[in-house]
């Protein structure tokens, strides 16, 4: 990890947590099933100030997170 004055903290791909490294390619591929699979059963996601739990990720939220750029 390094600091870049113009961009803040720059993190290398290898420094990202494994779930993030799994989620990002699924997001880019718009693969909803693969994106959902990286979340643990007790996962929580905060998006635009609202927190969603794993069971809620099966529906519209994860589809929106995966499909929208």
Protein backbone atom coordinates (compact mmCIF):
# COMPACT_ATOMS: atom_id res chain seq x y z
CA UNK A 1 0.00 0.00 0.00
CA UNK A 2 1.28 3.45 -0.83
CA UNK A 3 0.10 7.04 -0.64
CA UNK A 4 -0.35 9.10 -3.77
CA UNK A 5 -0.88 12.83 -3.17
CA UNK A 6 -3.43 13.13 -5.97
CA UNK A 7 -5.37 9.92 -5.30
CA UNK A 8 -4.97 9.21 -1.58
CA UNK A 9 -4.08 5.66 -0.64
CA UNK A 10 -3.28 3.33 -3.52
CA UNK A 11 -3.78 -0.37 -2.78
CA UNK A 12 -2.38 -3.10 -4.99
CA UNK A 13 -4.60 -5.94 -6.18
CA UNK A 14 -2.71 -8.37 -3.92
CA UNK A 15 -3.37 -6.18 -0.86
CA UNK A 16 -7.15 -6.29 -1.33
CA UNK A 17 -9.07 -8.77 0.85
CA UNK A 18 -9.91 -12.02 -0.96
CA UNK A 19 -13.68 -11.36 -1.05
CA UNK A 20 -13.07 -8.04 -2.81
CA UNK A 21 -10.73 -9.70 -5.31
CA UNK A 22 -13.49 -12.26 -6.02
CA UNK A 23 -16.32 -9.72 -6.15
CA UNK A 24 -14.75 -7.18 -8.53
CA UNK A 25 -14.34 -9.52 -11.53
CA UNK A 26 -17.90 -10.81 -10.98
CA UNK A 27 -19.12 -7.21 -10.94
CA UNK A 28 -17.26 -6.40 -14.15
CA UNK A 29 -18.68 -9.53 -15.81
CA UNK A 30 -22.19 -8.67 -14.51
CA UNK A 31 -22.33 -12.18 -13.01
CA UNK A 32 -24.89 -11.94 -10.20
CA UNK A 33 -24.45 -15.54 -8.98
CA UNK A 34 -20.68 -15.20 -8.70
CA UNK A 35 -21.04 -11.85 -6.93
CA UNK A 36 -23.49 -13.26 -4.38
CA UNK A 37 -21.28 -16.27 -3.74
CA UNK A 38 -18.47 -14.16 -2.25
CA UNK A 39 -20.63 -13.00 0.65
CA UNK A 40 -20.66 -15.01 3.87
CA UNK A 41 -24.02 -16.16 5.26
CA UNK A 42 -23.87 -13.39 7.88
CA UNK A 43 -22.52 -10.68 5.55
CA UNK A 44 -23.75 -7.10 5.66
CA UNK A 45 -23.33 -4.56 2.87
CA UNK A 46 -23.76 -0.83 3.34
CA UNK A 47 -24.78 0.97 0.16
CA UNK A 48 -25.84 4.60 0.00
CA UNK A 49 -26.25 4.72 3.78
CA UNK A 50 -28.44 1.60 4.11
CA UNK A 51 -27.22 -1.73 5.47
CA UNK A 52 -28.37 -4.98 3.88
CA UNK A 53 -27.77 -8.47 5.17
CA UNK A 54 -26.89 -11.60 3.18
CA UNK A 55 -30.49 -12.81 2.80
CA UNK A 56 -31.43 -9.45 1.27
CA UNK A 57 -28.54 -9.63 -1.18
CA UNK A 58 -30.33 -12.34 -3.14
CA UNK A 59 -32.75 -9.79 -4.58
CA UNK A 60 -32.73 -6.42 -6.21
CA UNK A 61 -29.86 -4.87 -4.25
CA UNK A 62 -27.18 -7.29 -5.40
CA UNK A 63 -28.55 -7.23 -8.92
CA UNK A 64 -28.28 -3.44 -8.88
CA UNK A 65 -24.78 -3.55 -7.39
CA UNK A 66 -23.63 -6.07 -9.97
CA UNK A 67 -25.41 -4.80 -13.07
CA UNK A 68 -25.03 -1.05 -12.69
CA UNK A 69 -21.58 0.32 -13.50
